[in-house]
């Protein structure tokens, strides 16, 4: 019987304790006061004995809010009352992390003095040092380092270090400070990115010089072969890229294509017209549509002068985002000359020729420079250049001996490419005048006239009335009445 009484007594004590904890957990008056930046209310509630470490359902405490709003007096009150300076919310965020996000050195110092953990990390491993480095708070970085922060810690999502974060944001002084405290300039993320590769995204010369002076290799590459020169080229940092070339960057290295392949082309992506802000390695390349026209030829000359191979062939499509406004097609095996022909950039085509480019090399699919100049690989009805520019590129290809009736593995000819375009009548006329076969059928059974009359792609019917009239006038055979105008799912990209 005595045992039962003891058990009941213990249960009663436990119940009282649980009730007290529940009451404390639900008393959010102090948290709300801090959230509302009401320092006097915080002072009054603390005097009343309201629990200082009560937290919201997400784990945010009053001290979190004080750090979030950079309320120094409020933070002092909470710390003196026993506020846990290293309390973490459900995502691992501590008051110190919030102070670093704000770049508030006084708040960082205050929390560190009170015993905040300088190596605290969020759920995915983002340390307070990384947060300070990203925010550009140099003095906060120094303060956290002085308290023992691990300068080479890596976050778990991407395996990046504080040095990488500072480099990616272009914070030169922080890059230098981290290096002085032993940051590893050779450290790599899970995808093989180094601080130098991330610095190249912004074209930050100061940070780059600091990294190179500390032993970073100008030709170091990510796992896919991407180098700083590739990054700089894709990001259109041409002057920065020239600096890399002068530091010994190899213009023939890359992730299945070289900087020259990108420099000569026009790359239309979902983001090329809307945003230049990229913060994730996976989308590093998605925002850019090629070098500005005014910079393209000069930079191509710089690459060639530093040994870029004018006849290098791509091992993969040099595209880092879904193409729009003209596409790019299948460019595996393409040379810089072919890509320049696709961009209808005659000045660059001639520069490549002067440097020894072979104008007769086709892609692995058998697509020739003439075909892409005419329109093969362009999205139906869309073009990256004017009809006049395209015609000049086509004329140059023909002058160089291109076969106007060459056929790729899809059965397409240059005239098929012209039929895909709108405003291409002068191109059609030129090709026919030079012997193009108007009745050539591709593997879908389509002639140029079938395409001009209208075919379905992407759920839309693409057609060119003026080209239809011209081809019929020139004597193209009538299209079969029941021919399918929908491409097969198995068709190769042209």
Protein backbone atom coordinates (compact mmCIF):
# COMPACT_ATOMS: atom_id res chain seq x y z
CA UNK A 1 0.00 0.00 0.00
CA UNK A 2 2.86 2.33 0.84
CA UNK A 3 4.30 1.64 -2.61
CA UNK A 4 1.06 2.67 -4.28
CA UNK A 5 0.94 5.90 -2.31
CA UNK A 6 4.48 6.73 -3.35
CA UNK A 7 3.65 6.07 -6.98
CA UNK A 8 0.59 8.25 -6.76
CA UNK A 9 2.65 10.93 -5.09
CA UNK A 10 5.26 10.80 -7.78
CA UNK A 11 2.58 10.95 -10.45
CA UNK A 12 1.09 13.99 -8.81
CA UNK A 13 4.49 15.70 -8.68
CA UNK A 14 5.11 14.84 -12.32
CA UNK A 15 1.69 16.15 -13.27
CA UNK A 16 2.32 19.41 -11.47
CA UNK A 17 5.71 19.72 -13.17
CA UNK A 18 4.23 19.05 -16.60
CA UNK A 19 1.49 21.57 -15.97
CA UNK A 20 4.06 24.17 -14.95
CA UNK A 21 6.14 23.49 -18.06
CA UNK A 22 3.09 23.72 -20.27
CA UNK A 23 2.15 27.02 -18.66
CA UNK A 24 5.67 28.33 -19.21
CA UNK A 25 5.72 27.10 -22.77
CA UNK A 26 2.46 28.85 -23.59
CA UNK A 27 3.37 32.12 -21.87
CA UNK A 28 4.62 34.04 -24.88
CA UNK A 29 4.13 37.54 -23.52
CA UNK A 30 7.88 38.14 -23.32
CA UNK A 31 8.47 36.77 -26.81
CA UNK A 32 5.70 38.95 -28.18
CA UNK A 33 7.09 42.04 -26.47
CA UNK A 34 10.52 41.38 -27.95
CA UNK A 35 8.98 40.71 -31.34
CA UNK A 36 7.26 44.10 -31.11
CA UNK A 37 10.55 45.77 -30.12
CA UNK A 38 9.05 46.92 -26.83
CA UNK A 39 12.03 47.10 -24.49
CA UNK A 40 10.04 48.56 -21.59
CA UNK A 41 7.48 45.76 -21.79
CA UNK A 42 10.34 43.25 -21.76
CA UNK A 43 11.77 44.92 -18.66
CA UNK A 44 8.39 44.86 -16.90
CA UNK A 45 7.67 41.23 -17.77
CA UNK A 46 11.09 40.10 -16.57
CA UNK A 47 10.42 41.78 -13.22
CA UNK A 48 7.15 39.86 -13.05
CA UNK A 49 9.06 36.62 -13.47
CA UNK A 50 7.85 35.70 -16.93
CA UNK A 51 10.05 32.83 -18.24
CA UNK A 52 12.99 34.38 -20.10
CA UNK A 53 13.57 31.37 -22.35
CA UNK A 54 9.99 30.75 -23.45
CA UNK A 55 9.85 30.09 -27.16
CA UNK A 56 7.45 30.21 -30.05
CA UNK A 57 6.48 26.92 -31.74
CA UNK A 58 9.36 27.45 -34.18
CA UNK A 59 11.83 27.80 -31.31
CA UNK A 60 12.32 31.57 -31.50
CA UNK A 61 12.92 33.15 -28.07
CA UNK A 62 12.83 36.75 -26.93
CA UNK A 63 16.62 36.90 -27.31
CA UNK A 64 16.27 35.74 -30.91
CA UNK A 65 13.99 38.71 -31.55
CA UNK A 66 16.33 41.10 -29.78
CA UNK A 67 19.16 39.93 -32.04
CA UNK A 68 16.91 39.99 -35.10
CA UNK A 69 15.94 43.62 -34.48
CA UNK A 70 19.42 44.54 -33.21
CA UNK A 71 18.00 45.76 -29.90
CA UNK A 72 21.10 46.12 -27.72
CA UNK A 73 19.41 47.25 -24.48
CA UNK A 74 16.78 44.54 -24.77
CA UNK A 75 19.45 41.90 -25.36
CA UNK A 76 21.31 43.06 -22.23
CA UNK A 77 18.15 42.74 -20.16
CA UNK A 78 17.47 39.24 -21.44
CA UNK A 79 21.06 38.06 -21.00
CA UNK A 80 21.20 39.34 -17.41
CA UNK A 81 17.92 37.56 -16.72
CA UNK A 82 19.38 34.25 -17.86
CA UNK A 83 18.50 34.22 -21.52
CA UNK A 84 20.20 31.32 -23.29
CA UNK A 85 22.60 32.94 -25.74
CA UNK A 86 23.09 29.70 -27.68
CA UNK A 87 19.42 28.72 -27.88
CA UNK A 88 18.60 27.40 -31.34
CA UNK A 89 15.26 27.49 -33.10
CA UNK A 90 13.87 24.55 -35.04
CA UNK A 91 16.24 25.33 -37.90
CA UNK A 92 19.34 25.64 -35.77
CA UNK A 93 19.34 29.44 -35.90
CA UNK A 94 20.83 31.10 -32.82
CA UNK A 95 20.77 34.76 -31.75
CA UNK A 96 24.43 34.96 -32.79
CA UNK A 97 23.53 33.75 -36.27
CA UNK A 98 20.93 36.49 -36.56
CA UNK A 99 23.40 39.10 -35.37
CA UNK A 100 25.82 37.90 -38.06
CA UNK A 101 23.10 38.09 -40.69
CA UNK A 102 22.60 41.73 -39.72
CA UNK A 103 26.34 42.32 -39.68
CA UNK A 104 25.90 43.88 -36.24
CA UNK A 105 29.32 43.84 -34.59
CA UNK A 106 28.07 45.23 -31.24
CA UNK A 107 25.44 42.50 -30.98
CA UNK A 108 27.94 39.84 -32.05
CA UNK A 109 30.39 41.02 -29.39
CA UNK A 110 27.66 41.15 -26.75
CA UNK A 111 26.54 37.59 -27.42
CA UNK A 112 30.07 36.21 -27.61
CA UNK A 113 30.95 37.88 -24.29
CA UNK A 114 27.92 36.17 -22.79
CA UNK A 115 29.17 32.78 -23.96
CA UNK A 116 27.50 32.25 -27.33
CA UNK A 117 28.93 29.30 -29.25
CA UNK A 118 31.12 30.65 -32.10
CA UNK A 119 30.76 27.33 -33.94
CA UNK A 120 26.99 27.12 -33.76
CA UNK A 121 25.50 25.93 -37.02
CA UNK A 122 22.09 25.85 -38.61
CA UNK A 123 20.38 22.60 -39.56
CA UNK A 124 22.31 22.35 -42.82
CA UNK A 125 25.63 23.25 -41.29
CA UNK A 126 25.78 26.99 -41.95
CA UNK A 127 28.03 28.30 -39.21
CA UNK A 128 27.90 31.79 -37.75
CA UNK A 129 31.25 32.46 -39.42
CA UNK A 130 29.75 31.65 -42.81
CA UNK A 131 26.81 33.92 -42.08
CA UNK A 132 29.10 36.80 -41.12
CA UNK A 133 31.27 36.18 -44.19
CA UNK A 134 28.29 36.22 -46.52
CA UNK A 135 26.94 39.40 -44.91
CA UNK A 136 30.24 41.18 -45.45
CA UNK A 137 30.69 41.97 -41.76
CA UNK A 138 34.48 42.07 -41.49
CA UNK A 139 34.69 43.00 -37.80
CA UNK A 140 32.10 40.37 -36.93
CA UNK A 141 34.15 37.78 -38.82
CA UNK A 142 37.23 38.78 -36.86
CA UNK A 143 35.33 38.63 -33.57
CA UNK A 144 33.96 35.15 -34.24
CA UNK A 145 37.40 33.93 -35.34
CA UNK A 146 38.96 35.37 -32.19
CA UNK A 147 36.53 33.27 -30.13
CA UNK A 148 37.61 30.07 -31.84
CA UNK A 149 35.36 29.67 -34.87
CA UNK A 150 36.52 26.88 -37.20
CA UNK A 151 37.71 28.73 -40.30
CA UNK A 152 37.50 25.62 -42.50
CA UNK A 153 34.16 24.21 -41.36
CA UNK A 154 31.89 23.07 -44.19
CA UNK A 155 28.13 23.29 -44.37
CA UNK A 156 26.43 20.00 -45.14
CA UNK A 157 24.19 20.99 -48.06
CA UNK A 158 26.92 21.91 -50.57
CA UNK A 159 30.14 21.38 -48.64
CA UNK A 160 31.06 25.05 -48.84
CA UNK A 161 33.31 26.99 -46.45
CA UNK A 162 33.20 30.54 -45.12
CA UNK A 163 35.93 31.43 -47.61
CA UNK A 164 33.74 30.25 -50.47
CA UNK A 165 30.83 32.30 -49.18
CA UNK A 166 32.95 35.43 -48.87
CA UNK A 167 34.44 34.83 -52.31
CA UNK A 168 31.02 34.29 -53.90
CA UNK A 169 29.85 37.63 -52.51
CA UNK A 170 33.04 39.42 -53.55
CA UNK A 171 34.03 40.48 -50.03
CA UNK A 172 37.75 40.94 -50.66
CA UNK A 173 38.73 42.06 -47.15
CA UNK A 174 36.97 39.10 -45.60
CA UNK A 175 38.61 36.73 -48.07
CA UNK A 176 41.96 38.13 -47.01
CA UNK A 177 41.10 37.93 -43.30
CA UNK A 178 40.02 34.30 -43.59
CA UNK A 179 43.17 33.38 -45.51
CA UNK A 180 45.28 35.03 -42.82
CA UNK A 181 43.54 32.86 -40.23
CA UNK A 182 44.30 29.68 -42.14
CA UNK A 183 41.40 29.27 -44.56
CA UNK A 184 42.15 26.55 -47.11
CA UNK A 185 42.16 28.12 -50.58
CA UNK A 186 42.15 24.62 -52.10
CA UNK A 187 38.99 23.44 -50.31
CA UNK A 188 36.24 22.17 -52.63
CA UNK A 189 32.49 21.97 -52.37
CA UNK A 190 30.67 18.71 -53.05
CA UNK A 191 30.51 19.68 -56.74
CA UNK A 192 34.20 20.52 -56.78
CA UNK A 193 33.84 24.29 -56.70
CA UNK A 194 36.64 26.26 -55.06
CA UNK A 195 36.66 29.79 -53.70
CA UNK A 196 38.33 30.93 -56.93
CA UNK A 197 35.57 29.48 -59.09
CA UNK A 198 32.95 31.19 -56.95
CA UNK A 199 34.84 34.48 -57.02
CA UNK A 200 34.82 34.33 -60.81
CA UNK A 201 31.02 34.50 -60.77
CA UNK A 202 31.19 38.13 -59.76
CA UNK A 203 34.48 38.89 -61.50
CA UNK A 204 35.96 40.23 -58.27
CA UNK A 205 39.56 41.07 -59.06
CA UNK A 206 40.68 41.85 -55.51
CA UNK A 207 39.48 38.56 -54.07
CA UNK A 208 40.93 36.70 -57.03
CA UNK A 209 44.34 38.28 -56.56
CA UNK A 210 44.28 37.35 -52.86
CA UNK A 211 43.41 33.74 -53.66
CA UNK A 212 46.03 33.40 -56.39
CA UNK A 213 48.68 34.98 -54.15
CA UNK A 214 47.85 32.35 -51.53
CA UNK A 215 48.35 29.44 -53.87
CA UNK A 216 45.05 28.97 -55.70
CA UNK A 217 45.54 27.46 -59.17
CA UNK A 218 44.13 29.63 -61.96
CA UNK A 219 43.26 26.42 -63.86
CA UNK A 220 41.62 24.51 -61.03
CA UNK A 221 38.36 22.97 -62.15
CA UNK A 222 35.10 21.72 -60.69
CA UNK A 223 34.17 18.06 -61.06
CA UNK A 224 32.57 18.72 -64.44
CA UNK A 225 35.64 20.54 -65.73
CA UNK A 226 34.39 24.08 -65.23
CA UNK A 227 37.23 26.55 -64.69
CA UNK A 228 37.28 30.15 -63.49
CA UNK A 229 37.79 31.24 -67.11
CA UNK A 230 34.66 29.37 -68.17
CA UNK A 231 32.69 30.96 -65.34
CA UNK A 232 33.96 34.44 -66.19
CA UNK A 233 33.14 33.94 -69.87
CA UNK A 234 29.61 32.74 -69.22
CA UNK A 235 29.06 35.57 -66.77
CA UNK A 236 30.32 38.06 -69.40
CA UNK A 237 33.17 39.35 -67.22
CA UNK A 238 35.44 39.84 -70.21
CA UNK A 239 38.03 42.16 -68.63
CA UNK A 240 38.29 39.85 -65.65
CA UNK A 241 38.61 36.89 -68.00
CA UNK A 242 41.49 38.64 -69.78
CA UNK A 243 43.20 39.02 -66.39
CA UNK A 244 42.86 35.26 -65.89
CA UNK A 245 44.34 34.65 -69.33
CA UNK A 246 47.30 36.83 -68.44
CA UNK A 247 47.71 34.80 -65.25
CA UNK A 248 48.02 31.62 -67.28
CA UNK A 249 44.43 30.41 -67.58
CA UNK A 250 44.17 27.68 -70.21
CA UNK A 251 41.51 28.67 -72.77
CA UNK A 252 41.08 25.08 -73.93
CA UNK A 253 39.81 23.67 -70.64
CA UNK A 254 36.12 23.35 -69.87
CA UNK A 255 33.13 21.14 -69.04
CA UNK A 256 32.84 19.54 -72.46
CA UNK A 257 33.20 22.87 -74.24
CA UNK A 258 35.74 25.68 -74.12
CA UNK A 259 35.31 29.39 -73.38
CA UNK A 260 35.67 30.08 -77.12
CA UNK A 261 32.57 28.00 -77.88
CA UNK A 262 30.55 30.15 -75.50
CA UNK A 263 32.14 33.44 -76.54
CA UNK A 264 31.21 33.10 -80.22
CA UNK A 265 27.59 32.15 -79.65
CA UNK A 266 24.24 33.55 -78.61
CA UNK A 267 22.61 31.58 -75.80
CA UNK A 268 18.98 32.33 -75.09
CA UNK A 269 17.72 31.02 -71.75
CA UNK A 270 14.65 31.40 -69.59
CA UNK A 271 16.45 33.96 -67.45
CA UNK A 272 18.58 35.74 -70.03
CA UNK A 273 16.11 38.62 -70.32
CA UNK A 274 14.97 38.78 -66.75
CA UNK A 275 17.73 38.34 -64.16
CA UNK A 276 21.45 38.42 -63.56
CA UNK A 277 21.20 37.18 -59.98
CA UNK A 278 22.35 33.60 -59.52
CA UNK A 279 23.10 32.21 -56.09
CA UNK A 280 23.12 28.47 -56.62
CA UNK A 281 25.77 26.40 -58.35
CA UNK A 282 23.15 24.31 -60.11
CA UNK A 283 21.79 27.39 -61.88
CA UNK A 284 25.10 29.16 -62.24
CA UNK A 285 24.81 29.38 -66.01
CA UNK A 286 21.10 29.90 -66.48
CA UNK A 287 20.92 33.68 -66.52
CA UNK A 288 23.05 34.71 -69.44
CA UNK A 289 22.45 34.88 -73.17
CA UNK A 290 26.00 35.25 -74.40
CA UNK A 291 28.55 38.05 -74.43
CA UNK A 292 27.36 41.58 -75.24
CA UNK A 293 27.69 42.14 -78.97
CA UNK A 294 30.11 45.03 -78.46
CA UNK A 295 32.52 42.84 -76.47
CA UNK A 296 32.28 39.59 -78.38
CA UNK A 297 34.81 40.01 -81.19
CA UNK A 298 37.47 41.62 -78.98
CA UNK A 299 37.22 38.83 -76.43
CA UNK A 300 37.29 36.13 -79.11
CA UNK A 301 40.53 37.69 -80.36
CA UNK A 302 41.94 37.61 -76.83
CA UNK A 303 41.11 33.92 -76.44
CA UNK A 304 42.68 33.08 -79.78
CA UNK A 305 45.77 35.14 -78.96
CA UNK A 306 46.22 33.06 -75.80
CA UNK A 307 46.05 29.78 -77.67
CA UNK A 308 42.38 28.89 -77.91
CA UNK A 309 41.88 26.11 -80.45
CA UNK A 310 39.67 27.42 -83.29
CA UNK A 311 38.83 23.84 -84.30
CA UNK A 312 37.98 22.43 -80.88
CA UNK A 313 34.80 20.36 -80.91
CA UNK A 314 32.27 20.31 -78.12
CA UNK A 315 31.70 17.13 -76.14
CA UNK A 316 28.31 18.32 -74.94
CA UNK A 317 25.88 21.13 -75.66
CA UNK A 318 27.25 24.38 -74.24
CA UNK A 319 23.88 25.16 -72.69
CA UNK A 320 23.22 25.63 -69.00
CA UNK A 321 19.53 26.43 -69.16
CA UNK A 322 16.46 25.72 -71.25
CA UNK A 323 16.74 27.60 -74.51
CA UNK A 324 14.09 30.02 -75.68
CA UNK A 325 13.79 32.63 -78.43
CA UNK A 326 15.70 30.63 -80.98
CA UNK A 327 17.09 27.62 -79.20
CA UNK A 328 20.43 26.17 -80.07
CA UNK A 329 19.73 22.60 -81.11
CA UNK A 330 22.10 19.68 -80.88
CA UNK A 331 25.61 21.12 -80.87
CA UNK A 332 27.58 18.09 -79.75
CA UNK A 333 30.68 18.04 -81.94
CA UNK A 334 30.31 21.68 -82.96
CA UNK A 335 33.31 23.91 -83.64
CA UNK A 336 33.50 27.61 -82.76
CA UNK A 337 33.02 28.40 -86.46
CA UNK A 338 29.76 26.44 -86.59
CA UNK A 339 28.45 28.15 -83.45
CA UNK A 340 29.41 31.57 -84.84
CA UNK A 341 27.58 30.65 -88.05
CA UNK A 342 24.51 29.77 -85.99
CA UNK A 343 24.76 33.20 -84.36
CA UNK A 344 25.07 34.68 -87.88
CA UNK A 345 28.13 36.63 -86.75
CA UNK A 346 30.16 37.06 -89.93
CA UNK A 347 32.89 39.16 -88.29
CA UNK A 348 33.68 36.37 -85.85
CA UNK A 349 33.41 33.73 -88.57
CA UNK A 350 36.07 35.62 -90.54
CA UNK A 351 38.28 36.05 -87.48
CA UNK A 352 38.14 32.31 -86.84
CA UNK A 353 38.99 31.61 -90.47
CA UNK A 354 42.00 33.92 -90.20
CA UNK A 355 43.14 31.87 -87.22
CA UNK A 356 42.88 28.57 -89.06
CA UNK A 357 39.31 27.46 -88.44
CA UNK A 358 38.01 24.69 -90.69
CA UNK A 359 34.62 25.83 -92.06
CA UNK A 360 33.57 22.37 -93.17
CA UNK A 361 33.35 20.52 -89.83
CA UNK A 362 29.84 19.37 -88.95
CA UNK A 363 28.33 18.29 -85.63
CA UNK A 364 28.08 14.65 -84.58
CA UNK A 365 24.59 14.70 -86.07
CA UNK A 366 26.00 15.83 -89.41
CA UNK A 367 24.67 19.36 -89.17
CA UNK A 368 26.87 21.81 -91.09
CA UNK A 369 27.64 25.49 -90.48
CA UNK A 370 25.46 26.35 -93.48
CA UNK A 371 22.51 24.48 -91.99
CA UNK A 372 22.67 26.26 -88.63
CA UNK A 373 23.22 29.61 -90.34
CA UNK A 374 20.03 29.00 -92.32
CA UNK A 375 17.96 27.99 -89.31
CA UNK A 376 18.54 24.36 -88.30
CA UNK A 377 18.47 24.24 -84.51
CA UNK A 378 16.51 27.45 -84.17
CA UNK A 379 13.18 27.15 -82.42
CA UNK A 380 10.44 27.18 -85.06
CA UNK A 381 9.44 30.66 -86.10
CA UNK A 382 12.06 32.28 -83.90
CA UNK A 383 15.48 33.64 -84.64
CA UNK A 384 18.45 35.13 -82.83
CA UNK A 385 19.39 37.51 -85.67
CA UNK A 386 18.00 39.46 -88.59
CA UNK A 387 17.32 37.90 -91.95
CA UNK A 388 20.01 40.12 -93.47
CA UNK A 389 22.67 38.91 -91.02
CA UNK A 390 21.67 35.31 -91.59
CA UNK A 391 21.93 35.76 -95.34
CA UNK A 392 25.45 37.16 -95.03
CA UNK A 393 26.53 34.17 -92.92
CA UNK A 394 24.97 31.81 -95.46
CA UNK A 395 26.72 33.54 -98.36
CA UNK A 396 30.07 33.18 -96.59
CA UNK A 397 29.48 29.46 -96.02
CA UNK A 398 28.61 28.96 -99.68
CA UNK A 399 31.67 30.98 -100.77
CA UNK A 400 33.75 28.59 -98.67
CA UNK A 401 32.36 25.61 -100.56
CA UNK A 402 29.48 24.46 -98.39
CA UNK A 403 27.15 21.94 -100.03
CA UNK A 404 23.67 23.47 -100.13
CA UNK A 405 22.15 19.99 -100.33
CA UNK A 406 24.10 18.39 -97.49
CA UNK A 407 21.83 16.27 -95.28
CA UNK A 408 22.19 15.60 -91.56
CA UNK A 409 21.10 12.43 -89.76
CA UNK A 410 17.59 13.81 -89.42
CA UNK A 411 17.41 14.24 -93.18
CA UNK A 412 17.33 18.02 -92.86
CA UNK A 413 19.01 20.39 -95.30
CA UNK A 414 19.78 24.10 -95.09
CA UNK A 415 16.51 24.79 -96.91
CA UNK A 416 14.59 22.92 -94.20
CA UNK A 417 16.27 25.26 -91.71
CA UNK A 418 15.21 28.33 -93.66
CA UNK A 419 11.63 27.06 -93.70
CA UNK A 420 11.61 27.01 -89.89
CA UNK A 421 12.32 30.72 -89.78
CA UNK A 422 9.96 33.58 -90.30
CA UNK A 423 11.18 36.39 -92.57
CA UNK A 424 13.49 34.06 -94.48
CA UNK A 425 12.35 34.53 -98.06
CA UNK A 426 15.66 36.01 -99.21
CA UNK A 427 17.44 33.01 -97.68
CA UNK A 428 15.14 30.57 -99.44
CA UNK A 429 15.63 32.39 -102.75
CA UNK A 430 19.44 32.40 -102.36
CA UNK A 431 19.61 28.70 -101.52
CA UNK A 432 17.34 27.74 -104.41
CA UNK A 433 19.36 29.95 -106.77
CA UNK A 434 22.42 27.98 -105.68
CA UNK A 435 20.86 24.61 -106.39
CA UNK A 436 19.03 23.70 -103.19
CA UNK A 437 16.61 20.80 -103.66
CA UNK A 438 13.16 22.11 -102.75
CA UNK A 439 11.69 18.60 -102.60
CA UNK A 440 14.20 17.00 -100.22
CA UNK A 441 12.40 15.06 -97.48
CA UNK A 442 13.69 14.71 -93.96
CA UNK A 443 13.13 11.54 -91.95
CA UNK A 444 9.68 12.79 -90.95
CA UNK A 445 8.82 12.96 -94.63
CA UNK A 446 8.68 16.75 -94.51
CA UNK A 447 9.86 18.93 -97.36
CA UNK A 448 10.68 22.61 -96.78
CA UNK A 449 7.21 23.40 -98.16
CA UNK A 450 5.51 21.16 -95.59
CA UNK A 451 7.29 23.05 -92.82
CA UNK A 452 6.47 26.45 -94.31
CA UNK A 453 2.80 25.49 -94.70
CA UNK A 454 2.64 24.64 -91.03
CA UNK A 455 3.70 21.97 -88.57
CA UNK A 456 2.92 21.46 -84.91
CA UNK A 457 5.61 21.72 -82.27
CA UNK A 458 5.25 22.31 -78.57
CA UNK A 459 1.47 22.34 -79.00
CA UNK A 460 1.59 25.25 -81.44
CA UNK A 461 1.26 25.39 -85.19
CA UNK A 462 4.27 27.10 -86.77
CA UNK A 463 3.89 28.37 -90.33
CA UNK A 464 5.31 30.96 -92.71
CA UNK A 465 2.80 32.17 -95.31
CA UNK A 466 5.24 34.21 -97.40
CA UNK A 467 7.75 31.35 -97.58
CA UNK A 468 4.92 29.02 -98.58
CA UNK A 469 3.99 31.31 -101.46
CA UNK A 470 7.62 31.65 -102.54
CA UNK A 471 8.36 27.92 -102.54
CA UNK A 472 5.24 27.20 -104.57
CA UNK A 473 6.18 29.96 -107.00
CA UNK A 474 9.66 28.49 -107.36
CA UNK A 475 8.17 25.12 -108.27
CA UNK A 476 8.23 23.07 -105.08
CA UNK A 477 6.19 19.87 -105.34
CA UNK A 478 2.81 19.99 -103.56
CA UNK A 479 2.73 18.48 -100.09
CA UNK A 480 1.01 15.09 -99.69
CA UNK A 481 -2.55 15.76 -98.50
CA UNK A 482 -2.48 13.42 -95.50
CA UNK A 483 1.08 13.90 -94.27
CA UNK A 484 1.48 14.07 -90.50
CA UNK A 485 2.56 17.50 -89.37
CA UNK A 486 3.39 16.45 -85.80
CA UNK A 487 7.00 15.43 -85.04
CA UNK A 488 7.67 12.01 -83.59
CA UNK A 489 8.73 11.87 -79.94
CA UNK A 490 11.81 9.89 -80.97
CA UNK A 491 13.09 12.56 -83.37
CA UNK A 492 16.59 13.78 -82.63
CA UNK A 493 17.05 17.44 -81.80
CA UNK A 494 18.27 19.08 -85.02
